[in-house]
PDB file of N, CA and C in Angstrom:
ATOM      1  N   MET A   1       2.383 -10.066  12.756  1.00  0.00           N
ATOM      2  CA  MET A   1       1.549  -9.318  11.830  1.00  0.00           C
ATOM      3  C   MET A   1       0.317 -10.119  11.432  1.00  0.00           C
ATOM      4  N   LYS A   2       0.482 -11.417  11.226  1.00  0.00           N
ATOM      5  CA  LYS A   2      -0.649 -12.240  10.807  1.00  0.00           C
ATOM      6  C   LYS A   2      -1.824 -12.082  11.771  1.00  0.00           C
ATOM      7  N   GLN A   3      -1.545 -12.154  13.074  1.00  0.00           N
ATOM      8  CA  GLN A   3      -2.632 -12.078  14.040  1.00  0.00           C
ATOM      9  C   GLN A   3      -3.322 -10.717  14.000  1.00  0.00           C
ATOM     10  N   SER A   4      -2.561  -9.650  13.823  1.00  0.00           N
ATOM     11  CA  SER A   4      -3.202  -8.326  13.782  1.00  0.00           C
ATOM     12  C   SER A   4      -4.074  -8.186  12.534  1.00  0.00           C
ATOM     13  N   CYS A   5      -3.656  -8.796  11.429  1.00  0.00           N
ATOM     14  CA  CYS A   5      -4.492  -8.772  10.224  1.00  0.00           C
ATOM     15  C   CYS A   5      -5.769  -9.587  10.442  1.00  0.00           C
ATOM     16  N   ILE A   6      -5.627 -10.729  11.068  1.00  0.00           N
ATOM     17  CA  ILE A   6      -6.805 -11.562  11.341  1.00  0.00           C
ATOM     18  C   ILE A   6      -7.755 -10.838  12.294  1.00  0.00           C
ATOM     19  N   ASP A   7      -7.208 -10.193  13.309  1.00  0.00           N
ATOM     20  CA  ASP A   7      -8.041  -9.418  14.233  1.00  0.00           C
ATOM     21  C   ASP A   7      -8.777  -8.303  13.490  1.00  0.00           C
ATOM     22  N   PHE A   8      -8.046  -7.613  12.601  1.00  0.00           N
ATOM     23  CA  PHE A   8      -8.656  -6.541  11.807  1.00  0.00           C
ATOM     24  C   PHE A   8      -9.811  -7.089  10.967  1.00  0.00           C
ATOM     25  N   LEU A   9      -9.568  -8.207  10.302  1.00  0.00           N
ATOM     26  CA  LEU A   9     -10.610  -8.799   9.461  1.00  0.00           C
ATOM     27  C   LEU A   9     -11.793  -9.293  10.293  1.00  0.00           C
ATOM     28  N   MET A  10     -11.533  -9.826  11.481  1.00  0.00           N
ATOM     29  CA  MET A  10     -12.633 -10.271  12.346  1.00  0.00           C
ATOM     30  C   MET A  10     -13.514  -9.091  12.737  1.00  0.00           C
ATOM     31  N   GLU A  11     -12.900  -7.936  12.973  1.00  0.00           N
ATOM     32  CA  GLU A  11     -13.687  -6.736  13.289  1.00  0.00           C
ATOM     33  C   GLU A  11     -14.572  -6.355  12.111  1.00  0.00           C
ATOM     34  N   GLN A  12     -14.055  -6.560  10.900  1.00  0.00           N
ATOM     35  CA  GLN A  12     -14.806  -6.172   9.701  1.00  0.00           C
ATOM     36  C   GLN A  12     -15.914  -7.173   9.362  1.00  0.00           C
ATOM     37  N   PHE A  13     -15.604  -8.461   9.482  1.00  0.00           N
ATOM     38  CA  PHE A  13     -16.514  -9.491   8.978  1.00  0.00           C
ATOM     39  C   PHE A  13     -17.142 -10.356  10.059  1.00  0.00           C
ATOM     40  N   GLY A  14     -16.449 -10.575  11.169  1.00  0.00           N
ATOM     41  CA  GLY A  14     -17.016 -11.352  12.263  1.00  0.00           C
ATOM     42  C   GLY A  14     -17.258 -12.820  11.973  1.00  0.00           C
ATOM     43  N   ASP A  15     -16.730 -13.322  10.892  1.00  0.00           N
ATOM     44  CA  ASP A  15     -16.946 -14.717  10.510  1.00  0.00           C
ATOM     45  C   ASP A  15     -15.581 -15.339  10.229  1.00  0.00           C
ATOM     46  N   ARG A  16     -15.176 -16.294  11.045  1.00  0.00           N
ATOM     47  CA  ARG A  16     -13.837 -16.861  10.934  1.00  0.00           C
ATOM     48  C   ARG A  16     -13.597 -17.525   9.584  1.00  0.00           C
ATOM     49  N   ASP A  17     -14.606 -18.160   9.009  1.00  0.00           N
ATOM     50  CA  ASP A  17     -14.423 -18.799   7.703  1.00  0.00           C
ATOM     51  C   ASP A  17     -14.123 -17.759   6.627  1.00  0.00           C
ATOM     52  N   VAL A  18     -14.854 -16.654   6.654  1.00  0.00           N
ATOM     53  CA  VAL A  18     -14.632 -15.573   5.688  1.00  0.00           C
ATOM     54  C   VAL A  18     -13.240 -14.983   5.892  1.00  0.00           C
ATOM     55  N   VAL A  19     -12.895 -14.740   7.149  1.00  0.00           N
ATOM     56  CA  VAL A  19     -11.580 -14.174   7.478  1.00  0.00           C
ATOM     57  C   VAL A  19     -10.465 -15.099   7.003  1.00  0.00           C
ATOM     58  N   ASP A  20     -10.586 -16.380   7.263  1.00  0.00           N
ATOM     59  CA  ASP A  20      -9.561 -17.338   6.833  1.00  0.00           C
ATOM     60  C   ASP A  20      -9.420 -17.347   5.314  1.00  0.00           C
ATOM     61  N   GLU A  21     -10.529 -17.245   4.614  1.00  0.00           N
ATOM     62  CA  GLU A  21     -10.481 -17.229   3.149  1.00  0.00           C
ATOM     63  C   GLU A  21      -9.794 -15.959   2.640  1.00  0.00           C
ATOM     64  N   ILE A  22     -10.190 -14.816   3.173  1.00  0.00           N
ATOM     65  CA  ILE A  22      -9.607 -13.549   2.727  1.00  0.00           C
ATOM     66  C   ILE A  22      -8.113 -13.505   3.053  1.00  0.00           C
ATOM     67  N   TYR A  23      -7.769 -13.852   4.285  1.00  0.00           N
ATOM     68  CA  TYR A  23      -6.360 -13.803   4.660  1.00  0.00           C
ATOM     69  C   TYR A  23      -5.543 -14.826   3.868  1.00  0.00           C
ATOM     70  N   GLY A  24      -6.107 -15.993   3.656  1.00  0.00           N
ATOM     71  CA  GLY A  24      -5.409 -17.020   2.882  1.00  0.00           C
ATOM     72  C   GLY A  24      -5.096 -16.569   1.471  1.00  0.00           C
ATOM     73  N   GLU A  25      -6.070 -15.927   0.838  1.00  0.00           N
ATOM     74  CA  GLU A  25      -5.848 -15.411  -0.511  1.00  0.00           C
ATOM     75  C   GLU A  25      -4.787 -14.315  -0.499  1.00  0.00           C
ATOM     76  N   PHE A  26      -4.843 -13.450   0.511  1.00  0.00           N
ATOM     77  CA  PHE A  26      -3.840 -12.392   0.624  1.00  0.00           C
ATOM     78  C   PHE A  26      -2.448 -12.991   0.813  1.00  0.00           C
ATOM     79  N   ALA A  27      -2.324 -13.916   1.747  1.00  0.00           N
ATOM     80  CA  ALA A  27      -1.013 -14.514   2.056  1.00  0.00           C
ATOM     81  C   ALA A  27      -0.444 -15.266   0.854  1.00  0.00           C
ATOM     82  N   ALA A  28      -1.298 -15.809   0.005  1.00  0.00           N
ATOM     83  CA  ALA A  28      -0.829 -16.510  -1.190  1.00  0.00           C
ATOM     84  C   ALA A  28      -0.424 -15.530  -2.294  1.00  0.00           C
ATOM     85  N   SER A  29      -1.134 -14.420  -2.412  1.00  0.00           N
ATOM     86  CA  SER A  29      -0.867 -13.499  -3.518  1.00  0.00           C
ATOM     87  C   SER A  29       0.239 -12.490  -3.216  1.00  0.00           C
ATOM     88  N   PHE A  30       0.426 -12.137  -1.948  1.00  0.00           N
ATOM     89  CA  PHE A  30       1.396 -11.098  -1.593  1.00  0.00           C
ATOM     90  C   PHE A  30       2.814 -11.438  -2.077  1.00  0.00           C
ATOM     91  N   PRO A  31       3.339 -12.632  -1.775  1.00  0.00           N
ATOM     92  CA  PRO A  31       4.694 -12.954  -2.252  1.00  0.00           C
ATOM     93  C   PRO A  31       4.805 -12.926  -3.777  1.00  0.00           C
ATOM     94  N   LYS A  32       3.766 -13.392  -4.455  1.00  0.00           N
ATOM     95  CA  LYS A  32       3.771 -13.399  -5.917  1.00  0.00           C
ATOM     96  C   LYS A  32       3.832 -11.967  -6.449  1.00  0.00           C
ATOM     97  N   LEU A  33       3.031 -11.080  -5.886  1.00  0.00           N
ATOM     98  CA  LEU A  33       3.028  -9.687  -6.335  1.00  0.00           C
ATOM     99  C   LEU A  33       4.362  -9.003  -6.050  1.00  0.00           C
ATOM    100  N   VAL A  34       4.938  -9.280  -4.897  1.00  0.00           N
ATOM    101  CA  VAL A  34       6.241  -8.689  -4.571  1.00  0.00           C
ATOM    102  C   VAL A  34       7.298  -9.189  -5.556  1.00  0.00           C
ATOM    103  N   GLY A  35       7.243 -10.466  -5.902  1.00  0.00           N
ATOM    104  CA  GLY A  35       8.166 -11.017  -6.901  1.00  0.00           C
ATOM    105  C   GLY A  35       7.986 -10.361  -8.267  1.00  0.00           C
ATOM    106  N   GLU A  36       6.742 -10.149  -8.657  1.00  0.00           N
ATOM    107  CA  GLU A  36       6.469  -9.467  -9.925  1.00  0.00           C
ATOM    108  C   GLU A  36       7.014  -8.044  -9.889  1.00  0.00           C
ATOM    109  N   ALA A  37       6.815  -7.358  -8.773  1.00  0.00           N
ATOM    110  CA  ALA A  37       7.313  -5.986  -8.643  1.00  0.00           C
ATOM    111  C   ALA A  37       8.832  -5.957  -8.770  1.00  0.00           C
ATOM    112  N   ALA A  38       9.494  -6.902  -8.145  1.00  0.00           N
ATOM    113  CA  ALA A  38      10.955  -6.952  -8.221  1.00  0.00           C
ATOM    114  C   ALA A  38      11.413  -7.120  -9.667  1.00  0.00           C
ATOM    115  N   GLN A  39      10.766  -8.012 -10.391  1.00  0.00           N
ATOM    116  CA  GLN A  39      11.133  -8.223 -11.796  1.00  0.00           C
ATOM    117  C   GLN A  39      10.847  -6.972 -12.627  1.00  0.00           C
ATOM    118  N   GLN A  40       9.725  -6.350 -12.399  1.00  0.00           N
ATOM    119  CA  GLN A  40       9.373  -5.144 -13.148  1.00  0.00           C
ATOM    120  C   GLN A  40      10.367  -4.017 -12.875  1.00  0.00           C
ATOM    121  N   ALA A  41      10.824  -3.910 -11.639  1.00  0.00           N
ATOM    122  CA  ALA A  41      11.827  -2.888 -11.312  1.00  0.00           C
ATOM    123  C   ALA A  41      13.140  -3.206 -12.028  1.00  0.00           C
ATOM    124  N   ARG A  42      13.550  -4.488 -12.024  1.00  0.00           N
ATOM    125  CA  ARG A  42      14.779  -4.863 -12.731  1.00  0.00           C
ATOM    126  C   ARG A  42      14.673  -4.567 -14.223  1.00  0.00           C
ATOM    127  N   ASP A  43      13.459  -4.741 -14.770  1.00  0.00           N
ATOM    128  CA  ASP A  43      13.224  -4.486 -16.192  1.00  0.00           C
ATOM    129  C   ASP A  43      12.961  -3.008 -16.494  1.00  0.00           C
ATOM    130  N   ALA A  44      12.909  -2.195 -15.452  1.00  0.00           N
ATOM    131  CA  ALA A  44      12.571  -0.773 -15.589  1.00  0.00           C
ATOM    132  C   ALA A  44      11.226  -0.599 -16.299  1.00  0.00           C
ATOM    133  N   ASP A  45      10.281  -1.488 -15.995  1.00  0.00           N
ATOM    134  CA  ASP A  45       8.931  -1.399 -16.545  1.00  0.00           C
ATOM    135  C   ASP A  45       8.080  -0.644 -15.526  1.00  0.00           C
ATOM    136  N   TRP A  46       8.208   0.655 -15.557  1.00  0.00           N
ATOM    137  CA  TRP A  46       7.637   1.511 -14.514  1.00  0.00           C
ATOM    138  C   TRP A  46       6.118   1.497 -14.517  1.00  0.00           C
ATOM    139  N   GLU A  47       5.513   1.386 -15.685  1.00  0.00           N
ATOM    140  CA  GLU A  47       4.041   1.355 -15.753  1.00  0.00           C
ATOM    141  C   GLU A  47       3.494   0.091 -15.085  1.00  0.00           C
ATOM    142  N   LYS A  48       4.094  -1.052 -15.400  1.00  0.00           N
ATOM    143  CA  LYS A  48       3.650  -2.299 -14.767  1.00  0.00           C
ATOM    144  C   LYS A  48       3.951  -2.280 -13.276  1.00  0.00           C
ATOM    145  N   LEU A  49       5.109  -1.732 -12.905  1.00  0.00           N
ATOM    146  CA  LEU A  49       5.456  -1.656 -11.489  1.00  0.00           C
ATOM    147  C   LEU A  49       4.437  -0.812 -10.732  1.00  0.00           C
ATOM    148  N   ASP A  50       4.006   0.278 -11.330  1.00  0.00           N
ATOM    149  CA  ASP A  50       2.989   1.123 -10.694  1.00  0.00           C
ATOM    150  C   ASP A  50       1.700   0.336 -10.479  1.00  0.00           C
ATOM    151  N   ARG A  51       1.281  -0.424 -11.484  1.00  0.00           N
ATOM    152  CA  ARG A  51       0.049  -1.216 -11.358  1.00  0.00           C
ATOM    153  C   ARG A  51       0.196  -2.307 -10.297  1.00  0.00           C
ATOM    154  N   THR A  52       1.345  -2.960 -10.257  1.00  0.00           N
ATOM    155  CA  THR A  52       1.558  -4.010  -9.269  1.00  0.00           C
ATOM    156  C   THR A  52       1.603  -3.423  -7.863  1.00  0.00           C
ATOM    157  N   ALA A  53       2.282  -2.294  -7.710  1.00  0.00           N
ATOM    158  CA  ALA A  53       2.335  -1.628  -6.401  1.00  0.00           C
ATOM    159  C   ALA A  53       0.930  -1.217  -5.965  1.00  0.00           C
ATOM    160  N   HIS A  54       0.113  -0.800  -6.922  1.00  0.00           N
ATOM    161  CA  HIS A  54      -1.277  -0.444  -6.618  1.00  0.00           C
ATOM    162  C   HIS A  54      -2.031  -1.669  -6.085  1.00  0.00           C
ATOM    163  N   ALA A  55      -1.818  -2.817  -6.702  1.00  0.00           N
ATOM    164  CA  ALA A  55      -2.477  -4.053  -6.239  1.00  0.00           C
ATOM    165  C   ALA A  55      -1.984  -4.436  -4.843  1.00  0.00           C
ATOM    166  N   ILE A  56      -0.686  -4.309  -4.613  1.00  0.00           N
ATOM    167  CA  ILE A  56      -0.140  -4.619  -3.284  1.00  0.00           C
ATOM    168  C   ILE A  56      -0.757  -3.696  -2.248  1.00  0.00           C
ATOM    169  N   LYS A  57      -0.854  -2.423  -2.580  1.00  0.00           N
ATOM    170  CA  LYS A  57      -1.439  -1.439  -1.661  1.00  0.00           C
ATOM    171  C   LYS A  57      -2.880  -1.807  -1.327  1.00  0.00           C
ATOM    172  N   GLY A  58      -3.679  -2.047  -2.334  1.00  0.00           N
ATOM    173  CA  GLY A  58      -5.087  -2.355  -2.110  1.00  0.00           C
ATOM    174  C   GLY A  58      -5.284  -3.627  -1.311  1.00  0.00           C
ATOM    175  N   ASN A  59      -4.565  -4.677  -1.681  1.00  0.00           N
ATOM    176  CA  ASN A  59      -4.689  -5.943  -0.967  1.00  0.00           C
ATOM    177  C   ASN A  59      -4.268  -5.793   0.483  1.00  0.00           C
ATOM    178  N   SER A  60      -3.190  -5.047   0.706  1.00  0.00           N
ATOM    179  CA  SER A  60      -2.695  -4.854   2.075  1.00  0.00           C
ATOM    180  C   SER A  60      -3.688  -4.060   2.916  1.00  0.00           C
ATOM    181  N   MET A  61      -4.321  -3.077   2.303  1.00  0.00           N
ATOM    182  CA  MET A  61      -5.296  -2.272   3.035  1.00  0.00           C
ATOM    183  C   MET A  61      -6.517  -3.104   3.424  1.00  0.00           C
ATOM    184  N   VAL A  62      -6.913  -4.015   2.561  1.00  0.00           N
ATOM    185  CA  VAL A  62      -8.084  -4.855   2.834  1.00  0.00           C
ATOM    186  C   VAL A  62      -7.889  -5.660   4.112  1.00  0.00           C
ATOM    187  N   VAL A  63      -6.654  -6.149   4.338  1.00  0.00           N
ATOM    188  CA  VAL A  63      -6.411  -6.992   5.505  1.00  0.00           C
ATOM    189  C   VAL A  63      -5.825  -6.212   6.680  1.00  0.00           C
ATOM    190  N   GLY A  64      -5.670  -4.905   6.529  1.00  0.00           N
ATOM    191  CA  GLY A  64      -5.170  -4.087   7.631  1.00  0.00           C
ATOM    192  C   GLY A  64      -3.666  -4.156   7.823  1.00  0.00           C
ATOM    193  N   PHE A  65      -2.927  -4.462   6.767  1.00  0.00           N
ATOM    194  CA  PHE A  65      -1.465  -4.546   6.824  1.00  0.00           C
ATOM    195  C   PHE A  65      -0.912  -3.187   6.386  1.00  0.00           C
ATOM    196  N   GLY A  66      -1.033  -2.211   7.290  1.00  0.00           N
ATOM    197  CA  GLY A  66      -0.709  -0.830   6.979  1.00  0.00           C
ATOM    198  C   GLY A  66       0.730  -0.589   6.574  1.00  0.00           C
ATOM    199  N   GLU A  67       1.662  -1.292   7.190  1.00  0.00           N
ATOM    200  CA  GLU A  67       3.080  -1.095   6.871  1.00  0.00           C
ATOM    201  C   GLU A  67       3.358  -1.469   5.408  1.00  0.00           C
ATOM    202  N   ALA A  68       2.752  -2.552   4.951  1.00  0.00           N
ATOM    203  CA  ALA A  68       2.917  -2.968   3.553  1.00  0.00           C
ATOM    204  C   ALA A  68       2.209  -1.989   2.620  1.00  0.00           C
ATOM    205  N   ALA A  69       1.038  -1.526   3.019  1.00  0.00           N
ATOM    206  CA  ALA A  69       0.321  -0.550   2.195  1.00  0.00           C
ATOM    207  C   ALA A  69       1.138   0.732   2.048  1.00  0.00           C
ATOM    208  N   ASP A  70       1.746   1.189   3.140  1.00  0.00           N
ATOM    209  CA  ASP A  70       2.570   2.401   3.083  1.00  0.00           C
ATOM    210  C   ASP A  70       3.763   2.214   2.151  1.00  0.00           C
ATOM    211  N   ALA A  71       4.413   1.054   2.231  1.00  0.00           N
ATOM    212  CA  ALA A  71       5.559   0.783   1.352  1.00  0.00           C
ATOM    213  C   ALA A  71       5.105   0.737  -0.108  1.00  0.00           C
ATOM    214  N   ALA A  72       3.942   0.181  -0.356  1.00  0.00           N
ATOM    215  CA  ALA A  72       3.436   0.095  -1.724  1.00  0.00           C
ATOM    216  C   ALA A  72       3.063   1.474  -2.262  1.00  0.00           C
ATOM    217  N   ILE A  73       2.526   2.333  -1.418  1.00  0.00           N
ATOM    218  CA  ILE A  73       2.223   3.707  -1.847  1.00  0.00           C
ATOM    219  C   ILE A  73       3.513   4.418  -2.248  1.00  0.00           C
ATOM    220  N   ALA A  74       4.544   4.256  -1.430  1.00  0.00           N
ATOM    221  CA  ALA A  74       5.842   4.866  -1.746  1.00  0.00           C
ATOM    222  C   ALA A  74       6.432   4.255  -3.016  1.00  0.00           C
ATOM    223  N   LEU A  75       6.221   2.950  -3.220  1.00  0.00           N
ATOM    224  CA  LEU A  75       6.712   2.291  -4.429  1.00  0.00           C
ATOM    225  C   LEU A  75       6.007   2.839  -5.664  1.00  0.00           C
ATOM    226  N   ARG A  76       4.742   3.125  -5.552  1.00  0.00           N
ATOM    227  CA  ARG A  76       4.026   3.733  -6.686  1.00  0.00           C
ATOM    228  C   ARG A  76       4.661   5.070  -7.044  1.00  0.00           C
ATOM    229  N   ARG A  77       4.977   5.864  -6.018  1.00  0.00           N
ATOM    230  CA  ARG A  77       5.634   7.147  -6.258  1.00  0.00           C
ATOM    231  C   ARG A  77       6.977   6.956  -6.958  1.00  0.00           C
ATOM    232  N   ALA A  78       7.763   6.005  -6.458  1.00  0.00           N
ATOM    233  CA  ALA A  78       9.080   5.737  -7.045  1.00  0.00           C
ATOM    234  C   ALA A  78       8.938   5.284  -8.501  1.00  0.00           C
ATOM    235  N   ALA A  79       7.939   4.447  -8.774  1.00  0.00           N
ATOM    236  CA  ALA A  79       7.723   3.983 -10.149  1.00  0.00           C
ATOM    237  C   ALA A  79       7.354   5.149 -11.060  1.00  0.00           C
ATOM    238  N   LYS A  80       6.520   6.041 -10.576  1.00  0.00           N
ATOM    239  CA  LYS A  80       6.118   7.193 -11.392  1.00  0.00           C
ATOM    240  C   LYS A  80       7.304   8.105 -11.693  1.00  0.00           C
ATOM    241  N   LEU A  81       8.300   8.086 -10.808  1.00  0.00           N
ATOM    242  CA  LEU A  81       9.509   8.896 -11.000  1.00  0.00           C
ATOM    243  C   LEU A  81      10.630   8.101 -11.675  1.00  0.00           C
ATOM    244  N   SER A  82      10.359   6.844 -12.009  1.00  0.00           N
ATOM    245  CA  SER A  82      11.370   5.954 -12.598  1.00  0.00           C
ATOM    246  C   SER A  82      12.620   5.896 -11.730  1.00  0.00           C
ATOM    247  N   ASP A  83      12.419   5.828 -10.433  1.00  0.00           N
ATOM    248  CA  ASP A  83      13.514   5.845  -9.467  1.00  0.00           C
ATOM    249  C   ASP A  83      13.908   4.404  -9.119  1.00  0.00           C
ATOM    250  N   ALA A  84      14.942   3.916  -9.788  1.00  0.00           N
ATOM    251  CA  ALA A  84      15.356   2.524  -9.621  1.00  0.00           C
ATOM    252  C   ALA A  84      15.867   2.248  -8.208  1.00  0.00           C
ATOM    253  N   ALA A  85      16.660   3.150  -7.666  1.00  0.00           N
ATOM    254  CA  ALA A  85      17.236   2.919  -6.338  1.00  0.00           C
ATOM    255  C   ALA A  85      16.154   2.871  -5.266  1.00  0.00           C
ATOM    256  N   GLU A  86      15.240   3.819  -5.300  1.00  0.00           N
ATOM    257  CA  GLU A  86      14.160   3.845  -4.303  1.00  0.00           C
ATOM    258  C   GLU A  86      13.229   2.648  -4.492  1.00  0.00           C
ATOM    259  N   SER A  87      12.965   2.285  -5.736  1.00  0.00           N
ATOM    260  CA  SER A  87      12.126   1.109  -5.995  1.00  0.00           C
ATOM    261  C   SER A  87      12.763  -0.139  -5.400  1.00  0.00           C
ATOM    262  N   ALA A  88      14.067  -0.299  -5.590  1.00  0.00           N
ATOM    263  CA  ALA A  88      14.767  -1.469  -5.046  1.00  0.00           C
ATOM    264  C   ALA A  88      14.709  -1.469  -3.519  1.00  0.00           C
ATOM    265  N   ARG A  89      14.877  -0.311  -2.917  1.00  0.00           N
ATOM    266  CA  ARG A  89      14.819  -0.218  -1.456  1.00  0.00           C
ATOM    267  C   ARG A  89      13.442  -0.624  -0.947  1.00  0.00           C
ATOM    268  N   LEU A  90      12.405  -0.122  -1.588  1.00  0.00           N
ATOM    269  CA  LEU A  90      11.037  -0.405  -1.152  1.00  0.00           C
ATOM    270  C   LEU A  90      10.650  -1.864  -1.402  1.00  0.00           C
ATOM    271  N   ILE A  91      11.123  -2.422  -2.485  1.00  0.00           N
ATOM    272  CA  ILE A  91      10.866  -3.845  -2.732  1.00  0.00           C
ATOM    273  C   ILE A  91      11.562  -4.676  -1.665  1.00  0.00           C
ATOM    274  N   GLY A  92      12.750  -4.249  -1.257  1.00  0.00           N
ATOM    275  CA  GLY A  92      13.431  -4.913  -0.150  1.00  0.00           C
ATOM    276  C   GLY A  92      12.599  -4.864   1.124  1.00  0.00           C
ATOM    277  N   GLU A  93      11.969  -3.728   1.365  1.00  0.00           N
ATOM    278  CA  GLU A  93      11.086  -3.587   2.532  1.00  0.00           C
ATOM    279  C   GLU A  93       9.895  -4.529   2.414  1.00  0.00           C
ATOM    280  N   LEU A  94       9.298  -4.619   1.236  1.00  0.00           N
ATOM    281  CA  LEU A  94       8.171  -5.535   1.028  1.00  0.00           C
ATOM    282  C   LEU A  94       8.608  -6.988   1.180  1.00  0.00           C
ATOM    283  N   GLU A  95       9.824  -7.292   0.722  1.00  0.00           N
ATOM    284  CA  GLU A  95      10.358  -8.649   0.915  1.00  0.00           C
ATOM    285  C   GLU A  95      10.469  -8.965   2.404  1.00  0.00           C
ATOM    286  N   ARG A  96      10.952  -8.001   3.174  1.00  0.00           N
ATOM    287  CA  ARG A  96      11.065  -8.195   4.625  1.00  0.00           C
ATOM    288  C   ARG A  96       9.687  -8.425   5.236  1.00  0.00           C
ATOM    289  N   LEU A  97       8.720  -7.618   4.821  1.00  0.00           N
ATOM    290  CA  LEU A  97       7.364  -7.731   5.359  1.00  0.00           C
ATOM    291  C   LEU A  97       6.713  -9.058   4.974  1.00  0.00           C
ATOM    292  N   LYS A  98       7.104  -9.578   3.838  1.00  0.00           N
ATOM    293  CA  LYS A  98       6.583 -10.867   3.386  1.00  0.00           C
ATOM    294  C   LYS A  98       6.847 -11.948   4.436  1.00  0.00           C
ATOM    295  N   GLY A  99       7.975 -11.825   5.117  1.00  0.00           N
ATOM    296  CA  GLY A  99       8.324 -12.780   6.156  1.00  0.00           C
ATOM    297  C   GLY A  99       7.419 -12.735   7.375  1.00  0.00           C
ATOM    298  N   GLU A 100       6.630 -11.682   7.506  1.00  0.00           N
ATOM    299  CA  GLU A 100       5.727 -11.554   8.655  1.00  0.00           C
ATOM    300  C   GLU A 100       4.377 -12.210   8.427  1.00  0.00           C
ATOM    301  N   LEU A 101       4.157 -12.708   7.224  1.00  0.00           N
ATOM    302  CA  LEU A 101       2.875 -13.349   6.933  1.00  0.00           C
ATOM    303  C   LEU A 101       2.866 -14.697   7.578  1.00  0.00           C
TER     304      LEU A 101
END
């Protein structure tokens, strides 16, 4: 996945230094955001979970990580419905995707 994100960013920016900076920031923030989402789901803090899922979605879209963006969109839906089981499933999916960075 890392290489496909880098390829996507190279198409957008064409500058390896810029791409490395953007991807580096994404790779550093993604695990932190997923961890925050997991805690928010455990706390049933649906409003914060929605905001965190929104950040995950946006960040993932910037680097072309569509699978993570799709999971985050679904997580936003689950948060709006206060669906603990679906939120846990989707966070598990994001945890799995975290390993692809």
